[in-house]
C-alpha cells in the first residue's frame, strides 16, 4: 500500500553478473560483475536479508581445464555481500587462498593452485544467530584445502567465518579427469563430491535446530547451527559425480 515504495528483484546470470532491477518498470537499477575471473558464473540465487544481498559465486573453470595449454586453475570461490539498493560491495569472503604457479604439467601448461571451492547453492540466513550458512564445492587443482566439500557459517555483518565442517578432504577434480584432452587432472581418483544443493535450517521433533546438507556422495548430514558440530549423518543413495 505504499505508493512511494520501490520494490526490486535481484538475480545473477551465467556470465557472473548480478542485477538489481526495478520490479514495477523492469528498468535496470544496477549491475555488477561478481568476480573478475573469466570463468565466474552465478548458479545459486542471491539471498536477501534486511537490505543486504548475499551472493554465492561459482564457476565453469572445471571445464576450462580440458583445453590443452590452459593454466589450471585460478578461480576462487567466494561469498559477497552487496547493498541491495545500490549494488555496492559491503564485504567479500574468499573460500580458498591466493593461487600461485606450482609447477608444469606434462603438456607444458602451468599447474596453478589452490583453486575452486565454488558455492553452487543459495546461502540461508540464520537470523537468530546472525549468520549465513551454505555448502561448498571441490578444489579444481592441488593443493587441496580445508574449506572444500564443507558446510560453513559466516557472520552476516562482517563475513568472518564463524565455523566450518569439512565432510570430505582431498577432493581435487576437474573435467580433464574424464575428458583426457589435457594433463590438468589433479587426481583421477577424486570423486567430485561437491555440495550442489542448498542447506536447510530445520527444527527436529526433539526441539533442537539442525543445519541439514545433502552431498553428491549420497550422504545427508545434520550439524549444530551454533558451532558446526556433526549431529548425525545417513546415506540415502550411492552418490555420483
Protein backbone atom coordinates (compact mmCIF):
# COMPACT_ATOMS: atom_id res chain seq x y z
CA UNK A 1 0.00 0.00 0.00
CA UNK A 2 3.00 2.35 -0.03
CA UNK A 3 2.93 4.31 -3.31
CA UNK A 4 6.47 5.53 -2.67
CA UNK A 5 7.92 2.02 -2.32
CA UNK A 6 10.44 0.95 -4.95
CA UNK A 7 10.46 -2.85 -4.87
CA UNK A 8 13.34 -4.57 -6.65
CA UNK A 9 14.16 -8.01 -7.97
CA UNK A 10 17.70 -9.41 -7.79
CA UNK A 11 19.30 -12.23 -9.76
CA UNK A 12 22.57 -13.44 -11.26
CA UNK A 13 23.48 -14.88 -14.66
CA UNK A 14 25.80 -17.38 -16.31
CA UNK A 15 28.25 -14.58 -17.18
CA UNK A 16 28.78 -13.85 -13.48
CA UNK A 17 26.77 -10.61 -13.40
CA UNK A 18 24.41 -9.68 -10.57
CA UNK A 19 21.50 -7.30 -11.19
CA UNK A 20 19.15 -5.05 -9.28
CA UNK A 21 16.01 -4.36 -11.33
CA UNK A 22 13.00 -2.13 -10.64
CA UNK A 23 10.19 -4.64 -10.13
CA UNK A 24 7.47 -2.26 -11.38
CA UNK A 25 9.10 -0.95 -14.56
CA UNK A 26 11.73 -3.59 -15.33
CA UNK A 27 14.41 -0.90 -15.55
CA UNK A 28 17.92 -1.91 -14.53
CA UNK A 29 18.94 -0.06 -11.36
CA UNK A 30 22.41 -1.56 -11.03
CA UNK A 31 24.64 -4.31 -12.42
CA UNK A 32 27.95 -5.61 -11.08
CA UNK A 33 30.39 -8.35 -12.04
CA UNK A 34 30.59 -10.73 -9.09
CA UNK A 35 34.22 -11.63 -9.79
CA UNK A 36 36.82 -10.57 -12.35
CA UNK A 37 37.68 -14.19 -13.20
CA UNK A 38 36.56 -15.11 -16.75
CA UNK A 39 35.01 -18.40 -15.60
CA UNK A 40 32.74 -16.93 -12.90
CA UNK A 41 29.03 -17.84 -13.03
CA UNK A 42 26.10 -17.38 -10.65
CA UNK A 43 24.16 -20.60 -10.09
CA UNK A 44 22.72 -20.07 -6.61
CA UNK A 45 20.02 -17.43 -6.20
CA UNK A 46 21.35 -14.48 -4.17
CA UNK A 47 19.81 -14.29 -0.70
CA UNK A 48 18.20 -11.03 0.50
CA UNK A 49 18.07 -10.10 4.19
CA UNK A 50 17.42 -6.66 5.70
CA UNK A 51 18.73 -4.69 2.75
CA UNK A 52 21.80 -6.83 2.09
CA UNK A 53 22.13 -9.23 -0.83
CA UNK A 54 24.37 -12.24 -0.19
CA UNK A 55 25.78 -13.58 -3.47
CA UNK A 56 27.41 -17.01 -3.94
CA UNK A 57 29.98 -17.31 -6.73
CA UNK A 58 30.68 -20.46 -8.71
CA UNK A 59 32.47 -21.10 -11.99
CA UNK A 60 32.86 -23.34 -15.00
CA UNK A 61 36.66 -23.40 -14.82
CA UNK A 62 36.49 -27.15 -14.21
CA UNK A 63 35.56 -27.39 -17.91
CA UNK A 64 38.17 -24.82 -18.99
CA UNK A 65 40.76 -27.28 -17.68
CA UNK A 66 40.09 -29.62 -20.63
CA UNK A 67 41.65 -27.16 -23.10
CA UNK A 68 45.27 -28.06 -23.95
CA UNK A 69 47.59 -25.34 -22.68
CA UNK A 70 45.12 -23.90 -20.17
CA UNK A 71 46.84 -22.94 -16.92
CA UNK A 72 44.65 -24.74 -14.38
CA UNK A 73 43.38 -23.39 -12.15
CA UNK A 74 42.85 -19.95 -10.61
CA UNK A 75 39.17 -19.43 -9.73
CA UNK A 76 38.50 -18.73 -6.04
CA UNK A 77 35.03 -19.32 -4.65
CA UNK A 78 33.62 -16.50 -2.53
CA UNK A 79 30.54 -15.03 -0.90
CA UNK A 80 30.00 -11.31 -1.30
CA UNK A 81 27.56 -9.03 0.49
CA UNK A 82 26.04 -6.18 -1.54
CA UNK A 83 23.86 -3.22 -0.67
CA UNK A 84 20.61 -4.38 -2.27
CA UNK A 85 19.59 -0.87 -3.30
CA UNK A 86 22.86 0.18 -4.97
CA UNK A 87 24.97 -2.92 -5.62
CA UNK A 88 27.82 -1.52 -3.52
CA UNK A 89 30.04 -4.26 -2.09
CA UNK A 90 30.00 -4.39 1.71
CA UNK A 91 32.33 -7.35 2.17
CA UNK A 92 33.69 -10.43 0.44
CA UNK A 93 34.93 -13.66 1.99
CA UNK A 94 37.27 -15.76 -0.13
CA UNK A 95 36.96 -19.50 0.42
CA UNK A 96 40.35 -20.55 -0.95
CA UNK A 97 43.78 -18.96 -0.80
CA UNK A 98 45.53 -16.96 -3.49
CA UNK A 99 46.55 -19.31 -6.34
CA UNK A 100 50.19 -19.38 -7.47
CA UNK A 101 52.16 -21.37 -10.03
CA UNK A 102 53.14 -24.71 -8.50
CA UNK A 103 54.84 -26.37 -11.46
CA UNK A 104 54.34 -27.52 -15.03
CA UNK A 105 52.10 -30.29 -16.35
CA UNK A 106 53.06 -32.99 -18.86
CA UNK A 107 51.63 -30.88 -21.70
CA UNK A 108 53.71 -27.85 -20.61
CA UNK A 109 50.87 -25.77 -19.19
CA UNK A 110 51.22 -24.18 -15.76
CA UNK A 111 49.92 -26.03 -12.73
CA UNK A 112 48.29 -23.34 -10.58
CA UNK A 113 46.67 -23.70 -7.16
CA UNK A 114 44.92 -23.78 -4.81
CA UNK A 115 41.61 -23.15 -6.59
CA UNK A 116 37.91 -23.97 -6.65
CA UNK A 117 35.65 -24.16 -3.58
CA UNK A 118 32.75 -22.70 -5.56
CA UNK A 119 29.33 -22.14 -3.98
CA UNK A 120 26.71 -23.63 -6.30
CA UNK A 121 23.80 -23.14 -3.92
CA UNK A 122 21.87 -20.30 -2.29
CA UNK A 123 23.01 -19.29 1.21
CA UNK A 124 20.44 -19.36 4.01
CA UNK A 125 20.10 -16.78 6.77
CA UNK A 126 20.14 -17.88 10.40
CA UNK A 127 18.83 -14.55 11.71
CA UNK A 128 18.71 -15.62 15.36
CA UNK A 129 22.44 -16.30 15.40
CA UNK A 130 23.34 -13.58 12.89
CA UNK A 131 24.96 -15.92 10.41
CA UNK A 132 24.87 -17.01 6.78
CA UNK A 133 25.04 -20.76 6.09
CA UNK A 134 25.97 -22.53 2.85
CA UNK A 135 27.86 -25.52 1.45
CA UNK A 136 30.90 -25.59 -0.85
CA UNK A 137 32.33 -27.47 -3.82
CA UNK A 138 35.62 -29.24 -4.50
CA UNK A 139 39.07 -27.99 -5.37
CA UNK A 140 39.97 -27.76 -9.08
CA UNK A 141 43.70 -28.21 -8.59
CA UNK A 142 46.18 -29.16 -5.89
CA UNK A 143 46.85 -28.42 -3.14
CA UNK A 144 43.51 -29.36 -1.64
CA UNK A 145 42.20 -27.01 1.04
CA UNK A 146 40.15 -27.29 4.21
CA UNK A 147 37.04 -25.37 3.08
CA UNK A 148 36.26 -27.62 0.09
CA UNK A 149 33.28 -30.03 0.33
CA UNK A 150 32.27 -28.30 3.54
CA UNK A 151 29.33 -26.67 5.31
CA UNK A 152 30.10 -23.20 6.66
CA UNK A 153 28.66 -20.23 8.53
CA UNK A 154 29.73 -16.59 8.11
CA UNK A 155 28.93 -13.59 10.27
CA UNK A 156 26.14 -11.67 8.50
CA UNK A 157 27.64 -8.28 9.29
CA UNK A 158 31.33 -8.83 8.63
CA UNK A 159 31.69 -12.04 6.59
CA UNK A 160 34.01 -13.52 9.23
CA UNK A 161 33.99 -17.33 9.28
CA UNK A 162 32.06 -18.48 12.36
CA UNK A 163 32.51 -22.21 11.79
CA UNK A 164 33.24 -24.76 9.11
CA UNK A 165 32.87 -28.51 8.87
CA UNK A 166 34.60 -30.32 6.03
CA UNK A 167 32.97 -33.69 5.32
CA UNK A 168 35.43 -34.88 2.66
CA UNK A 169 39.09 -33.90 2.41
CA UNK A 170 41.28 -34.26 -0.67
CA UNK A 171 38.57 -33.89 -3.33
CA UNK A 172 40.57 -32.14 -6.09
CA UNK A 173 38.96 -32.69 -9.50
CA UNK A 174 38.19 -31.11 -12.86
CA UNK A 175 36.71 -32.29 -16.15
CA UNK A 176 40.16 -33.16 -17.53
CA UNK A 177 39.95 -36.20 -15.24
CA UNK A 178 37.22 -37.50 -17.59
CA UNK A 179 37.99 -35.81 -20.92
CA UNK A 180 41.67 -36.60 -21.42
CA UNK A 181 42.42 -33.66 -23.71
CA UNK A 182 44.86 -32.02 -21.30
CA UNK A 183 47.13 -33.00 -18.43
CA UNK A 184 45.33 -30.82 -15.87
CA UNK A 185 43.61 -33.57 -13.85
CA UNK A 186 44.91 -33.24 -10.27
CA UNK A 187 43.65 -36.64 -9.01
CA UNK A 188 41.87 -39.22 -11.15
CA UNK A 189 40.59 -40.97 -8.02
CA UNK A 190 38.87 -37.86 -6.61
CA UNK A 191 35.08 -38.37 -6.55
CA UNK A 192 33.88 -34.80 -7.39
CA UNK A 193 31.51 -34.81 -4.42
CA UNK A 194 30.62 -31.10 -4.24
CA UNK A 195 27.65 -29.90 -2.28
CA UNK A 196 25.38 -28.87 -5.14
CA UNK A 197 22.10 -28.36 -3.31
CA UNK A 198 21.44 -25.75 -0.65
CA UNK A 199 21.38 -26.26 3.11
CA UNK A 200 18.25 -26.25 5.29
CA UNK A 201 17.76 -24.88 8.80
CA UNK A 202 15.12 -27.06 10.49
CA UNK A 203 13.83 -28.00 13.92
CA UNK A 204 13.64 -31.67 14.85
CA UNK A 205 10.93 -33.39 16.89
CA UNK A 206 13.30 -33.13 19.87
CA UNK A 207 13.11 -29.31 19.69
CA UNK A 208 16.71 -28.92 18.54
CA UNK A 209 17.67 -26.95 15.42
CA UNK A 210 19.83 -28.54 12.75
CA UNK A 211 21.57 -27.47 9.57
CA UNK A 212 20.83 -30.18 7.00
CA UNK A 213 23.03 -30.68 3.94
CA UNK A 214 22.89 -33.30 1.18
CA UNK A 215 26.09 -34.08 -0.71
CA UNK A 216 26.60 -35.59 -4.19
CA UNK A 217 28.09 -38.58 -2.35
CA UNK A 218 24.56 -39.62 -1.35
CA UNK A 219 25.14 -38.74 2.31
CA UNK A 220 22.93 -36.33 4.25
CA UNK A 221 24.43 -34.53 7.25
CA UNK A 222 22.98 -32.66 10.22
CA UNK A 223 25.04 -30.05 12.06
CA UNK A 224 24.56 -27.96 15.18
CA UNK A 225 23.98 -24.40 13.83
CA UNK A 226 25.71 -22.88 16.86
CA UNK A 227 29.11 -24.47 16.24
CA UNK A 228 29.01 -26.73 13.17
CA UNK A 229 29.46 -29.96 15.08
CA UNK A 230 28.12 -33.06 13.36
CA UNK A 231 24.90 -34.32 14.98
CA UNK A 232 24.21 -37.23 12.63
CA UNK A 233 24.66 -38.47 9.08
CA UNK A 234 22.82 -41.02 6.97
CA UNK A 235 23.27 -42.39 3.47
CA UNK A 236 20.29 -42.12 1.12
CA UNK A 237 21.92 -43.14 -2.17
CA UNK A 238 25.12 -44.41 -3.74
CA UNK A 239 26.18 -40.98 -4.99
CA UNK A 240 27.98 -39.97 -8.18
CA UNK A 241 29.83 -37.05 -9.75
